[in-house]
Amino acid sequence: MNKSWIETNTFHHSQFKDLDRLVAAKQRKNLSISLCLPTLNEERTIAKEIVIMKSELMIRHPLLDEIVVIDSGSTDQTREIARAYEVMVYQADDILPALSRFRGKGENLWKALYVTRGDIIVYIDADIKNIHHRFAYGLIGPLLLSDTIRFTKAFYDRPIAMGDNKLRPTGGGRVTELVTRPLFSLFMPDLTQFVQPLSGEYAGFRSIFEKIPFHIGYGVETGMLIDIFEKWGLDVMAQVDLDRRVHKNQDTKALGRMAFVIIKTFLKRLQDLDRMNLKQDIFNEMIQFHLVRDQLESEIHTLEQHERPPIIEIPEYREKFGMEDKM
């Protein structure tokens, strides 16, 4: 294990609070920055996220060049609210419509690469109740001030909601500690240095994101870490402490389905890397049970594994960004 990485490549957001310094670095390096907010029924939080990011990081300090919302088909007012604040809003199905359609966060993140223009892409979940512009500038800072860091990932304290607007100080990140960290410890111990490998906030250079595949569902963060690590190594990666994140928590059964997909993603990556040879097919059904009038009834959830290839391989993307026909 690289003993020094967690010391040299772990930061606190306060190290980057001098926004004028970040803007100057951005201008000196002639870079543009896009913020992507993937959404699905986030009408309660989307307005505040846009207002804070736009006012602090576009109007007061020109750090962001655009804010783009990519929606998975919300049935509430998410898209209408976002448009009211004059940001670009897309439905994922309308981007690259000739391709097969999938539903999931990873789909939104992947398609954002086609409609954004930034050299740096910042991904922030749209359900953050305690949103602050540190969620963006904290991730952007190392990318602008370092000549080697190309990808940053957030970590934070995650209180867990207990109903009636009460929070327990800690308890979030259960899937990380019960699933992802044990898997990394067994097979890729270098990656255990990421405090929260499943955090939904990260940023990086387009030149990184466009060259890796994106898992469509819950496995997107796991696959992303593994692929960047395998392709470029730990030295291009960093993590940033954003202090605290409050969001809606999922119940245990939902977390079980998340764990199912993450394990599938991890096993697929091991096979792709020739580190494991499974002797049987992996099933797509997650089987759970619940009590109905004192009788156990099964709940079967089909969780198929879909993955987008590196978007640089898509002809429409290459044409839009003026790339040569040959890769």
C-alpha atoms as a PDB file:
ATOM      1  CA  MET A   1       0.000   0.000   0.000  1.00  0.00           C
ATOM      2  CA  ASN A   2       1.154   3.520  -0.794  1.00  0.00           C
ATOM      3  CA  LYS A   3       1.568   4.748   2.789  1.00  0.00           C
ATOM      4  CA  SER A   4       1.877   8.417   1.940  1.00  0.00           C
ATOM      5  CA  TRP A   5      -1.126   8.877  -0.340  1.00  0.00           C
ATOM      6  CA  ILE A   6      -3.693   9.457   2.395  1.00  0.00           C
ATOM      7  CA  GLU A   7      -1.440  12.182   3.817  1.00  0.00           C
ATOM      8  CA  THR A   8      -0.432  13.899   0.593  1.00  0.00           C
ATOM      9  CA  ASN A   9      -3.692  13.573  -1.349  1.00  0.00           C
ATOM     10  CA  THR A  10      -6.294  14.175   1.370  1.00  0.00           C
ATOM     11  CA  PHE A  11      -7.497  17.747   1.779  1.00  0.00           C
ATOM     12  CA  HIS A  12     -10.015  19.826   3.708  1.00  0.00           C
ATOM     13  CA  HIS A  13     -12.314  22.169   1.823  1.00  0.00           C
ATOM     14  CA  SER A  14     -11.068  25.133   3.869  1.00  0.00           C
ATOM     15  CA  GLN A  15      -7.751  24.884   2.025  1.00  0.00           C
ATOM     16  CA  PHE A  16      -9.569  26.142  -1.075  1.00  0.00           C
ATOM     17  CA  LYS A  17     -11.854  28.817   0.372  1.00  0.00           C
ATOM     18  CA  ASP A  18      -9.849  31.587  -1.328  1.00  0.00           C
ATOM     19  CA  LEU A  19     -12.069  31.629  -4.400  1.00  0.00           C
ATOM     20  CA  ASP A  20     -10.166  34.467  -6.061  1.00  0.00           C
ATOM     21  CA  ARG A  21      -7.094  32.229  -6.019  1.00  0.00           C
ATOM     22  CA  LEU A  22      -9.053  29.418  -7.675  1.00  0.00           C
ATOM     23  CA  VAL A  23     -10.465  31.746 -10.327  1.00  0.00           C
ATOM     24  CA  ALA A  24      -6.975  33.060 -11.074  1.00  0.00           C
ATOM     25  CA  ALA A  25      -5.636  29.499 -11.440  1.00  0.00           C
ATOM     26  CA  LYS A  26      -8.530  28.590 -13.712  1.00  0.00           C
ATOM     27  CA  GLN A  27      -7.883  31.600 -15.934  1.00  0.00           C
ATOM     28  CA  ARG A  28      -4.131  31.041 -15.955  1.00  0.00           C
ATOM     29  CA  LYS A  29      -4.625  27.465 -17.117  1.00  0.00           C
ATOM     30  CA  ASN A  30      -7.350  28.516 -19.572  1.00  0.00           C
ATOM     31  CA  LEU A  31      -9.855  25.964 -18.260  1.00  0.00           C
ATOM     32  CA  SER A  32     -13.642  25.861 -18.238  1.00  0.00           C
ATOM     33  CA  ILE A  33     -15.713  24.141 -15.535  1.00  0.00           C
ATOM     34  CA  SER A  34     -19.160  22.539 -15.734  1.00  0.00           C
ATOM     35  CA  LEU A  35     -21.356  21.522 -12.803  1.00  0.00           C
ATOM     36  CA  CYS A  36     -23.718  18.605 -13.409  1.00  0.00           C
ATOM     37  CA  LEU A  37     -26.690  17.903 -11.114  1.00  0.00           C
ATOM     38  CA  PRO A  38     -28.239  14.462 -11.810  1.00  0.00           C
ATOM     39  CA  THR A  39     -31.881  14.482 -10.704  1.00  0.00           C
ATOM     40  CA  LEU A  40     -34.885  12.288 -10.086  1.00  0.00           C
ATOM     41  CA  ASN A  41     -37.752  13.878  -8.163  1.00  0.00           C
ATOM     42  CA  GLU A  42     -35.674  16.451  -6.298  1.00  0.00           C
ATOM     43  CA  GLU A  43     -38.156  19.351  -6.240  1.00  0.00           C
ATOM     44  CA  ARG A  44     -37.503  19.991  -2.536  1.00  0.00           C
ATOM     45  CA  THR A  45     -33.778  20.621  -2.876  1.00  0.00           C
ATOM     46  CA  ILE A  46     -32.946  21.483  -6.499  1.00  0.00           C
ATOM     47  CA  ALA A  47     -33.770  25.214  -6.262  1.00  0.00           C
ATOM     48  CA  LYS A  48     -31.521  25.846  -3.277  1.00  0.00           C
ATOM     49  CA  GLU A  49     -28.634  23.968  -4.880  1.00  0.00           C
ATOM     50  CA  ILE A  50     -28.881  25.995  -8.073  1.00  0.00           C
ATOM     51  CA  VAL A  51     -29.292  29.337  -6.291  1.00  0.00           C
ATOM     52  CA  ILE A  52     -26.277  28.816  -4.035  1.00  0.00           C
ATOM     53  CA  MET A  53     -23.966  27.507  -6.762  1.00  0.00           C
ATOM     54  CA  LYS A  54     -25.021  30.141  -9.257  1.00  0.00           C
ATOM     55  CA  SER A  55     -24.836  33.111  -6.886  1.00  0.00           C
ATOM     56  CA  GLU A  56     -21.549  32.157  -5.204  1.00  0.00           C
ATOM     57  CA  LEU A  57     -19.623  30.460  -8.008  1.00  0.00           C
ATOM     58  CA  MET A  58     -20.899  32.164 -11.140  1.00  0.00           C
ATOM     59  CA  ILE A  59     -21.998  35.675 -10.168  1.00  0.00           C
ATOM     60  CA  ARG A  60     -19.748  36.552  -7.196  1.00  0.00           C
ATOM     61  CA  HIS A  61     -16.799  34.419  -8.294  1.00  0.00           C
ATOM     62  CA  PRO A  62     -16.663  33.198 -11.931  1.00  0.00           C
ATOM     63  CA  LEU A  63     -15.480  29.696 -11.099  1.00  0.00           C
ATOM     64  CA  LEU A  64     -18.263  27.747 -12.827  1.00  0.00           C
ATOM     65  CA  ASP A  65     -19.027  28.324 -16.489  1.00  0.00           C
ATOM     66  CA  GLU A  66     -22.291  26.408 -16.581  1.00  0.00           C
ATOM     67  CA  ILE A  67     -24.747  24.427 -14.488  1.00  0.00           C
ATOM     68  CA  VAL A  68     -26.476  21.530 -16.203  1.00  0.00           C
ATOM     69  CA  VAL A  69     -29.317  19.410 -14.818  1.00  0.00           C
ATOM     70  CA  ILE A  70     -29.694  15.897 -16.241  1.00  0.00           C
ATOM     71  CA  ASP A  71     -33.027  14.378 -15.238  1.00  0.00           C
ATOM     72  CA  SER A  72     -34.026  10.712 -15.191  1.00  0.00           C
ATOM     73  CA  GLY A  73     -37.734  11.357 -15.812  1.00  0.00           C
ATOM     74  CA  SER A  74     -38.948  13.100 -12.664  1.00  0.00           C
ATOM     75  CA  THR A  75     -42.685  12.989 -12.024  1.00  0.00           C
ATOM     76  CA  ASP A  76     -42.618  16.029  -9.725  1.00  0.00           C
ATOM     77  CA  GLN A  77     -41.671  19.635 -10.560  1.00  0.00           C
ATOM     78  CA  THR A  78     -37.883  19.141 -10.602  1.00  0.00           C
ATOM     79  CA  ARG A  79     -37.346  20.117 -14.239  1.00  0.00           C
ATOM     80  CA  GLU A  80     -39.731  23.070 -14.140  1.00  0.00           C
ATOM     81  CA  ILE A  81     -38.123  24.466 -11.004  1.00  0.00           C
ATOM     82  CA  ALA A  82     -34.627  24.086 -12.441  1.00  0.00           C
ATOM     83  CA  ARG A  83     -35.595  25.855 -15.678  1.00  0.00           C
ATOM     84  CA  ALA A  84     -37.038  28.741 -13.665  1.00  0.00           C
ATOM     85  CA  TYR A  85     -33.508  29.448 -12.415  1.00  0.00           C
ATOM     86  CA  GLU A  86     -32.132  29.641 -15.965  1.00  0.00           C
ATOM     87  CA  VAL A  87     -29.860  26.622 -16.086  1.00  0.00           C
ATOM     88  CA  MET A  88     -29.720  24.052 -18.852  1.00  0.00           C
ATOM     89  CA  VAL A  89     -32.092  21.152 -18.175  1.00  0.00           C
ATOM     90  CA  TYR A  90     -32.101  17.909 -20.140  1.00  0.00           C
ATOM     91  CA  GLN A  91     -33.967  14.650 -19.890  1.00  0.00           C
ATOM     92  CA  ALA A  92     -31.471  11.821 -20.163  1.00  0.00           C
ATOM     93  CA  ASP A  93     -33.578  10.024 -22.786  1.00  0.00           C
ATOM     94  CA  ASP A  94     -33.312  13.042 -25.101  1.00  0.00           C
ATOM     95  CA  ILE A  95     -29.507  12.957 -25.161  1.00  0.00           C
ATOM     96  CA  LEU A  96     -27.996  10.684 -27.831  1.00  0.00           C
ATOM     97  CA  PRO A  97     -31.495   9.324 -28.579  1.00  0.00           C
ATOM     98  CA  ALA A  98     -30.255   6.798 -31.147  1.00  0.00           C
ATOM     99  CA  LEU A  99     -28.687   4.740 -28.353  1.00  0.00           C
ATOM    100  CA  SER A 100     -30.496   2.247 -26.141  1.00  0.00           C
ATOM    101  CA  ARG A 101     -32.226   3.879 -23.174  1.00  0.00           C
ATOM    102  CA  PHE A 102     -31.355   3.086 -19.599  1.00  0.00           C
ATOM    103  CA  ARG A 103     -32.470   4.586 -16.319  1.00  0.00           C
ATOM    104  CA  GLY A 104     -30.041   5.375 -13.525  1.00  0.00           C
ATOM    105  CA  LYS A 105     -27.648   7.918 -12.086  1.00  0.00           C
ATOM    106  CA  GLY A 106     -24.720   6.574 -14.093  1.00  0.00           C
ATOM    107  CA  GLU A 107     -26.660   7.186 -17.298  1.00  0.00           C
ATOM    108  CA  ASN A 108     -27.121  10.834 -16.331  1.00  0.00           C
ATOM    109  CA  LEU A 109     -23.441  11.274 -15.488  1.00  0.00           C
ATOM    110  CA  TRP A 110     -22.300   9.645 -18.728  1.00  0.00           C
ATOM    111  CA  LYS A 111     -24.668  11.651 -20.930  1.00  0.00           C
ATOM    112  CA  ALA A 112     -23.655  14.856 -19.160  1.00  0.00           C
ATOM    113  CA  LEU A 113     -20.283  14.495 -20.861  1.00  0.00           C
ATOM    114  CA  TYR A 114     -22.013  14.975 -24.221  1.00  0.00           C
ATOM    115  CA  VAL A 115     -23.995  18.117 -23.361  1.00  0.00           C
ATOM    116  CA  THR A 116     -21.499  19.922 -21.104  1.00  0.00           C
ATOM    117  CA  ARG A 117     -18.557  21.881 -22.458  1.00  0.00           C
ATOM    118  CA  GLY A 118     -16.196  22.102 -19.479  1.00  0.00           C
ATOM    119  CA  ASP A 119     -12.626  20.847 -19.317  1.00  0.00           C
ATOM    120  CA  ILE A 120     -13.462  19.954 -15.708  1.00  0.00           C
ATOM    121  CA  ILE A 121     -16.758  18.303 -14.753  1.00  0.00           C
ATOM    122  CA  VAL A 122     -18.146  18.502 -11.217  1.00  0.00           C
ATOM    123  CA  TYR A 123     -20.856  16.004 -10.237  1.00  0.00           C
ATOM    124  CA  ILE A 124     -22.985  16.815  -7.182  1.00  0.00           C
ATOM    125  CA  ASP A 125     -26.099  14.934  -6.060  1.00  0.00           C
ATOM    126  CA  ALA A 126     -29.269  17.023  -6.069  1.00  0.00           C
ATOM    127  CA  ASP A 127     -30.722  15.820  -2.739  1.00  0.00           C
ATOM    128  CA  ILE A 128     -28.346  17.590  -0.339  1.00  0.00           C
ATOM    129  CA  LYS A 129     -30.286  19.368   2.387  1.00  0.00           C
ATOM    130  CA  ASN A 130     -27.334  21.322   3.788  1.00  0.00           C
ATOM    131  CA  ILE A 131     -25.960  22.399   0.422  1.00  0.00           C
ATOM    132  CA  HIS A 132     -23.074  24.870   0.452  1.00  0.00           C
ATOM    133  CA  HIS A 133     -20.812  26.006  -2.345  1.00  0.00           C
ATOM    134  CA  ARG A 134     -17.900  24.219  -0.620  1.00  0.00           C
ATOM    135  CA  PHE A 135     -19.326  21.043  -2.192  1.00  0.00           C
ATOM    136  CA  ALA A 136     -18.130  22.411  -5.520  1.00  0.00           C
ATOM    137  CA  TYR A 137     -15.069  24.543  -4.768  1.00  0.00           C
ATOM    138  CA  GLY A 138     -13.678  21.944  -2.368  1.00  0.00           C
ATOM    139  CA  LEU A 139     -13.576  19.407  -5.192  1.00  0.00           C
ATOM    140  CA  ILE A 140     -12.371  21.885  -7.792  1.00  0.00           C
ATOM    141  CA  GLY A 141      -9.501  23.268  -5.706  1.00  0.00           C
ATOM    142  CA  PRO A 142      -7.020  20.384  -5.979  1.00  0.00           C
ATOM    143  CA  LEU A 143      -7.674  20.092  -9.725  1.00  0.00           C
ATOM    144  CA  LEU A 144      -6.720  23.729 -10.281  1.00  0.00           C
ATOM    145  CA  LEU A 145      -3.859  24.074  -7.823  1.00  0.00           C
ATOM    146  CA  SER A 146      -2.108  20.777  -8.529  1.00  0.00           C
ATOM    147  CA  ASP A 147      -0.396  19.787 -11.761  1.00  0.00           C
ATOM    148  CA  THR A 148      -0.893  16.056 -11.156  1.00  0.00           C
ATOM    149  CA  ILE A 149      -4.331  15.562  -9.551  1.00  0.00           C
ATOM    150  CA  ARG A 150      -6.985  14.802 -12.163  1.00  0.00           C
ATOM    151  CA  PHE A 151      -9.857  13.391 -10.063  1.00  0.00           C
ATOM    152  CA  THR A 152     -11.246  14.354  -6.657  1.00  0.00           C
ATOM    153  CA  LYS A 153     -13.778  12.622  -4.449  1.00  0.00           C
ATOM    154  CA  ALA A 154     -15.705  13.920  -1.464  1.00  0.00           C
ATOM    155  CA  PHE A 155     -15.970  12.548   2.031  1.00  0.00           C
ATOM    156  CA  TYR A 156     -17.874  13.899   4.998  1.00  0.00           C
ATOM    157  CA  ASP A 157     -19.710  13.046   8.171  1.00  0.00           C
ATOM    158  CA  ARG A 158     -23.088  11.598   7.259  1.00  0.00           C
ATOM    159  CA  PRO A 159     -25.738  11.896   9.969  1.00  0.00           C
ATOM    160  CA  ILE A 160     -28.660   9.529   9.606  1.00  0.00           C
ATOM    161  CA  ALA A 161     -32.279  10.694   9.616  1.00  0.00           C
ATOM    162  CA  MET A 162     -34.435   9.159  12.353  1.00  0.00           C
ATOM    163  CA  GLY A 163     -37.817  10.728  11.568  1.00  0.00           C
ATOM    164  CA  ASP A 164     -39.507  13.892  12.825  1.00  0.00           C
ATOM    165  CA  ASN A 165     -36.554  15.895  11.469  1.00  0.00           C
ATOM    166  CA  LYS A 166     -34.214  14.316  14.020  1.00  0.00           C
ATOM    167  CA  LEU A 167     -30.665  13.335  13.097  1.00  0.00           C
ATOM    168  CA  ARG A 168     -28.263  10.906  14.688  1.00  0.00           C
ATOM    169  CA  PRO A 169     -24.757  12.418  14.347  1.00  0.00           C
ATOM    170  CA  THR A 170     -23.334   9.447  12.449  1.00  0.00           C
ATOM    171  CA  GLY A 171     -24.554   6.247  10.853  1.00  0.00           C
ATOM    172  CA  GLY A 172     -24.569   6.983   7.147  1.00  0.00           C
ATOM    173  CA  GLY A 173     -22.282   5.119   4.795  1.00  0.00           C
ATOM    174  CA  ARG A 174     -23.474   1.687   5.886  1.00  0.00           C
ATOM    175  CA  VAL A 175     -22.953   0.021   2.502  1.00  0.00           C
ATOM    176  CA  THR A 176     -19.404   1.387   2.381  1.00  0.00           C
ATOM    177  CA  GLU A 177     -18.403  -0.252   5.652  1.00  0.00           C
ATOM    178  CA  LEU A 178     -20.343  -3.497   5.188  1.00  0.00           C
ATOM    179  CA  VAL A 179     -19.660  -4.125   1.490  1.00  0.00           C
ATOM    180  CA  THR A 180     -17.277  -1.853  -0.370  1.00  0.00           C
ATOM    181  CA  ARG A 181     -14.508  -1.511   2.187  1.00  0.00           C
ATOM    182  CA  PRO A 182     -14.316  -5.278   2.830  1.00  0.00           C
ATOM    183  CA  LEU A 183     -14.113  -5.926  -0.921  1.00  0.00           C
ATOM    184  CA  PHE A 184     -11.393  -3.327  -1.393  1.00  0.00           C
ATOM    185  CA  SER A 185      -9.537  -4.725   1.619  1.00  0.00           C
ATOM    186  CA  LEU A 186      -9.600  -8.206   0.095  1.00  0.00           C
ATOM    187  CA  PHE A 187      -8.666  -7.333  -3.476  1.00  0.00           C
ATOM    188  CA  MET A 188      -7.529  -3.689  -3.815  1.00  0.00           C
ATOM    189  CA  PRO A 189      -6.244  -2.456  -0.439  1.00  0.00           C
ATOM    190  CA  ASP A 190      -4.886   0.793  -1.889  1.00  0.00           C
ATOM    191  CA  LEU A 191      -8.465   1.932  -2.442  1.00  0.00           C
ATOM    192  CA  THR A 192      -9.383   1.474   1.228  1.00  0.00           C
ATOM    193  CA  GLN A 193      -7.705   4.845   1.765  1.00  0.00           C
ATOM    194  CA  PHE A 194     -10.785   6.514   0.315  1.00  0.00           C
ATOM    195  CA  VAL A 195     -12.860   7.397   3.354  1.00  0.00           C
ATOM    196  CA  GLN A 196     -16.151   7.257   1.451  1.00  0.00           C
ATOM    197  CA  PRO A 197     -15.713   5.483  -1.873  1.00  0.00           C
ATOM    198  CA  LEU A 198     -19.463   5.623  -2.539  1.00  0.00           C
ATOM    199  CA  SER A 199     -19.885   9.352  -2.016  1.00  0.00           C
ATOM    200  CA  GLY A 200     -21.973  10.958  -4.732  1.00  0.00           C
ATOM    201  CA  GLU A 201     -19.832  14.058  -5.183  1.00  0.00           C
ATOM    202  CA  TYR A 202     -16.710  14.045  -7.321  1.00  0.00           C
ATOM    203  CA  ALA A 203     -14.953  16.066  -9.987  1.00  0.00           C
ATOM    204  CA  GLY A 204     -12.354  15.486 -12.620  1.00  0.00           C
ATOM    205  CA  PHE A 205     -10.954  16.427 -15.957  1.00  0.00           C
ATOM    206  CA  ARG A 206     -13.004  15.504 -18.985  1.00  0.00           C
ATOM    207  CA  SER A 207      -9.933  13.714 -20.318  1.00  0.00           C
ATOM    208  CA  ILE A 208     -10.355  11.232 -17.433  1.00  0.00           C
ATOM    209  CA  PHE A 209     -14.115  10.728 -17.494  1.00  0.00           C
ATOM    210  CA  GLU A 210     -14.360  10.311 -21.261  1.00  0.00           C
ATOM    211  CA  LYS A 211     -11.951   7.355 -21.228  1.00  0.00           C
ATOM    212  CA  ILE A 212     -13.688   5.156 -18.620  1.00  0.00           C
ATOM    213  CA  PRO A 213     -16.942   3.162 -18.756  1.00  0.00           C
ATOM    214  CA  PHE A 214     -19.895   4.240 -16.617  1.00  0.00           C
ATOM    215  CA  HIS A 215     -22.060   1.722 -14.815  1.00  0.00           C
ATOM    216  CA  ILE A 216     -25.678   2.808 -15.128  1.00  0.00           C
ATOM    217  CA  GLY A 217     -26.858   2.076 -11.588  1.00  0.00           C
ATOM    218  CA  TYR A 218     -25.553   1.996  -8.031  1.00  0.00           C
ATOM    219  CA  GLY A 219     -22.213   0.591  -9.155  1.00  0.00           C
ATOM    220  CA  VAL A 220     -21.117   3.794 -10.909  1.00  0.00           C
ATOM    221  CA  GLU A 221     -18.941   5.074  -8.046  1.00  0.00           C
ATOM    222  CA  THR A 222     -17.290   1.698  -7.407  1.00  0.00           C
ATOM    223  CA  GLY A 223     -16.521   1.122 -11.067  1.00  0.00           C
ATOM    224  CA  MET A 224     -15.236   4.669 -11.490  1.00  0.00           C
ATOM    225  CA  LEU A 225     -12.731   4.382  -8.630  1.00  0.00           C
ATOM    226  CA  ILE A 226     -11.436   1.044  -9.845  1.00  0.00           C
ATOM    227  CA  ASP A 227     -11.107   2.156 -13.459  1.00  0.00           C
ATOM    228  CA  ILE A 228      -9.300   5.418 -12.700  1.00  0.00           C
ATOM    229  CA  PHE A 229      -6.985   3.632 -10.271  1.00  0.00           C
ATOM    230  CA  GLU A 230      -6.177   0.858 -12.736  1.00  0.00           C
ATOM    231  CA  LYS A 231      -5.647   3.212 -15.673  1.00  0.00           C
ATOM    232  CA  TRP A 232      -3.741   6.091 -14.043  1.00  0.00           C
ATOM    233  CA  GLY A 233      -2.909   5.098 -10.460  1.00  0.00           C
ATOM    234  CA  LEU A 234      -3.491   6.723  -7.084  1.00  0.00           C
ATOM    235  CA  ASP A 235      -1.308   9.766  -7.726  1.00  0.00           C
ATOM    236  CA  VAL A 236      -3.914  11.374 -10.024  1.00  0.00           C
ATOM    237  CA  MET A 237      -6.623  10.914  -7.381  1.00  0.00           C
ATOM    238  CA  ALA A 238      -7.434  12.890  -4.242  1.00  0.00           C
ATOM    239  CA  GLN A 239     -10.151  13.130  -1.602  1.00  0.00           C
ATOM    240  CA  VAL A 240     -11.591  16.223   0.076  1.00  0.00           C
ATOM    241  CA  ASP A 241     -13.275  16.530   3.467  1.00  0.00           C
ATOM    242  CA  LEU A 242     -16.495  18.530   3.012  1.00  0.00           C
ATOM    243  CA  ASP A 243     -17.385  18.304   6.733  1.00  0.00           C
ATOM    244  CA  ARG A 244     -21.038  17.257   6.769  1.00  0.00           C
ATOM    245  CA  ARG A 245     -23.700  16.100   4.345  1.00  0.00           C
ATOM    246  CA  VAL A 246     -27.393  15.737   5.156  1.00  0.00           C
ATOM    247  CA  HIS A 247     -29.664  13.942   2.731  1.00  0.00           C
ATOM    248  CA  LYS A 248     -32.502  11.471   2.640  1.00  0.00           C
ATOM    249  CA  ASN A 249     -31.496   8.048   3.952  1.00  0.00           C
ATOM    250  CA  GLN A 250     -32.661   4.763   2.512  1.00  0.00           C
ATOM    251  CA  ASP A 251     -34.064   1.831   4.448  1.00  0.00           C
ATOM    252  CA  THR A 252     -32.198  -1.419   4.961  1.00  0.00           C
ATOM    253  CA  LYS A 253     -33.871  -3.276   2.107  1.00  0.00           C
ATOM    254  CA  ALA A 254     -33.049  -0.521  -0.333  1.00  0.00           C
ATOM    255  CA  LEU A 255     -29.448  -0.597   0.877  1.00  0.00           C
ATOM    256  CA  GLY A 256     -29.467  -4.353   0.308  1.00  0.00           C
ATOM    257  CA  ARG A 257     -30.365  -3.815  -3.329  1.00  0.00           C
ATOM    258  CA  MET A 258     -27.621  -1.215  -3.589  1.00  0.00           C
ATOM    259  CA  ALA A 259     -25.123  -3.683  -2.120  1.00  0.00           C
ATOM    260  CA  PHE A 260     -26.265  -6.359  -4.595  1.00  0.00           C
ATOM    261  CA  VAL A 261     -25.454  -4.113  -7.576  1.00  0.00           C
ATOM    262  CA  ILE A 262     -22.137  -2.939  -6.111  1.00  0.00           C
ATOM    263  CA  ILE A 263     -20.998  -6.534  -5.559  1.00  0.00           C
ATOM    264  CA  LYS A 264     -21.965  -7.402  -9.137  1.00  0.00           C
ATOM    265  CA  THR A 265     -20.027  -4.414 -10.408  1.00  0.00           C
ATOM    266  CA  PHE A 266     -16.979  -5.361  -8.349  1.00  0.00           C
ATOM    267  CA  LEU A 267     -17.028  -8.967  -9.555  1.00  0.00           C
ATOM    268  CA  LYS A 268     -17.334  -7.830 -13.169  1.00  0.00           C
ATOM    269  CA  ARG A 269     -14.367  -5.520 -12.764  1.00  0.00           C
ATOM    270  CA  LEU A 270     -12.289  -8.351 -11.301  1.00  0.00           C
ATOM    271  CA  GLN A 271     -13.172 -10.523 -14.274  1.00  0.00           C
ATOM    272  CA  ASP A 272     -12.390  -7.732 -16.746  1.00  0.00           C
ATOM    273  CA  LEU A 273      -8.996  -7.315 -15.081  1.00  0.00           C
ATOM    274  CA  ASP A 274      -8.347 -11.085 -15.222  1.00  0.00           C
ATOM    275  CA  ARG A 275      -8.133 -11.246 -11.435  1.00  0.00           C
ATOM    276  CA  MET A 276     -11.016 -13.655 -11.039  1.00  0.00           C
ATOM    277  CA  ASN A 277     -12.581 -16.410 -13.106  1.00  0.00           C
ATOM    278  CA  LEU A 278     -16.133 -17.202 -12.021  1.00  0.00           C
ATOM    279  CA  LYS A 279     -17.299 -20.716 -12.809  1.00  0.00           C
ATOM    280  CA  GLN A 280     -20.972 -19.815 -13.118  1.00  0.00           C
ATOM    281  CA  ASP A 281     -23.203 -17.050 -14.369  1.00  0.00           C
ATOM    282  CA  ILE A 282     -24.158 -14.225 -12.016  1.00  0.00           C
ATOM    283  CA  PHE A 283     -27.903 -13.927 -11.450  1.00  0.00           C
ATOM    284  CA  ASN A 284     -29.811 -10.657 -11.826  1.00  0.00           C
ATOM    285  CA  GLU A 285     -32.459 -11.199  -9.151  1.00  0.00           C
ATOM    286  CA  MET A 286     -32.199  -9.870  -5.608  1.00  0.00           C
ATOM    287  CA  ILE A 287     -34.505 -11.915  -3.347  1.00  0.00           C
ATOM    288  CA  GLN A 288     -35.862 -10.326  -0.202  1.00  0.00           C
ATOM    289  CA  PHE A 289     -38.715 -11.199   2.165  1.00  0.00           C
ATOM    290  CA  HIS A 290     -41.348  -9.354   4.161  1.00  0.00           C
ATOM    291  CA  LEU A 291     -44.151 -10.372   6.523  1.00  0.00           C
ATOM    292  CA  VAL A 292     -47.743 -10.199   5.322  1.00  0.00           C
ATOM    293  CA  ARG A 293     -50.321 -11.317   7.903  1.00  0.00           C
ATOM    294  CA  ASP A 294     -47.741 -13.490   9.658  1.00  0.00           C
ATOM    295  CA  GLN A 295     -46.676 -15.083   6.378  1.00  0.00           C
ATOM    296  CA  LEU A 296     -43.345 -14.576   4.684  1.00  0.00           C
ATOM    297  CA  GLU A 297     -43.662 -13.358   1.117  1.00  0.00           C
ATOM    298  CA  SER A 298     -40.772 -12.962  -1.251  1.00  0.00           C
ATOM    299  CA  GLU A 299     -39.864  -9.770  -3.049  1.00  0.00           C
ATOM    300  CA  ILE A 300     -37.859 -10.371  -6.203  1.00  0.00           C
ATOM    301  CA  HIS A 301     -36.083  -7.391  -7.740  1.00  0.00           C
ATOM    302  CA  THR A 302     -34.494  -7.790 -11.152  1.00  0.00           C
ATOM    303  CA  LEU A 303     -31.327  -5.708 -11.128  1.00  0.00           C
ATOM    304  CA  GLU A 304     -29.662  -6.103 -14.484  1.00  0.00           C
ATOM    305  CA  GLN A 305     -26.181  -4.795 -15.074  1.00  0.00           C
ATOM    306  CA  HIS A 306     -25.796  -2.239 -17.837  1.00  0.00           C
ATOM    307  CA  GLU A 307     -22.710  -0.220 -18.601  1.00  0.00           C
ATOM    308  CA  ARG A 308     -21.896   2.537 -21.038  1.00  0.00           C
ATOM    309  CA  PRO A 309     -18.534   2.301 -22.801  1.00  0.00           C
ATOM    310  CA  PRO A 310     -16.036   5.147 -22.594  1.00  0.00           C
ATOM    311  CA  ILE A 311     -17.893   7.982 -24.309  1.00  0.00           C
ATOM    312  CA  ILE A 312     -14.821   8.793 -26.369  1.00  0.00           C
ATOM    313  CA  GLU A 313     -15.723   5.656 -28.354  1.00  0.00           C
ATOM    314  CA  ILE A 314     -19.118   7.098 -29.368  1.00  0.00           C
ATOM    315  CA  PRO A 315     -18.982   8.631 -32.900  1.00  0.00           C
ATOM    316  CA  GLU A 316     -21.405  11.446 -32.046  1.00  0.00           C
ATOM    317  CA  TYR A 317     -19.225  12.518 -29.143  1.00  0.00           C
ATOM    318  CA  ARG A 318     -16.067  12.425 -31.203  1.00  0.00           C
ATOM    319  CA  GLU A 319     -17.710  14.474 -33.933  1.00  0.00           C
ATOM    320  CA  LYS A 320     -19.064  17.077 -31.495  1.00  0.00           C
ATOM    321  CA  PHE A 321     -15.698  17.588 -29.849  1.00  0.00           C
ATOM    322  CA  GLY A 322     -13.738  17.596 -33.097  1.00  0.00           C
ATOM    323  CA  MET A 323     -11.734  14.447 -32.514  1.00  0.00           C
ATOM    324  CA  GLU A 324      -9.917  12.514 -35.193  1.00  0.00           C
ATOM    325  CA  ASP A 325     -11.666   9.475 -36.673  1.00  0.00           C
ATOM    326  CA  LYS A 326      -8.916   7.222 -35.364  1.00  0.00           C
ATOM    327  CA  MET A 327      -8.542   6.898 -31.621  1.00  0.00           C
END
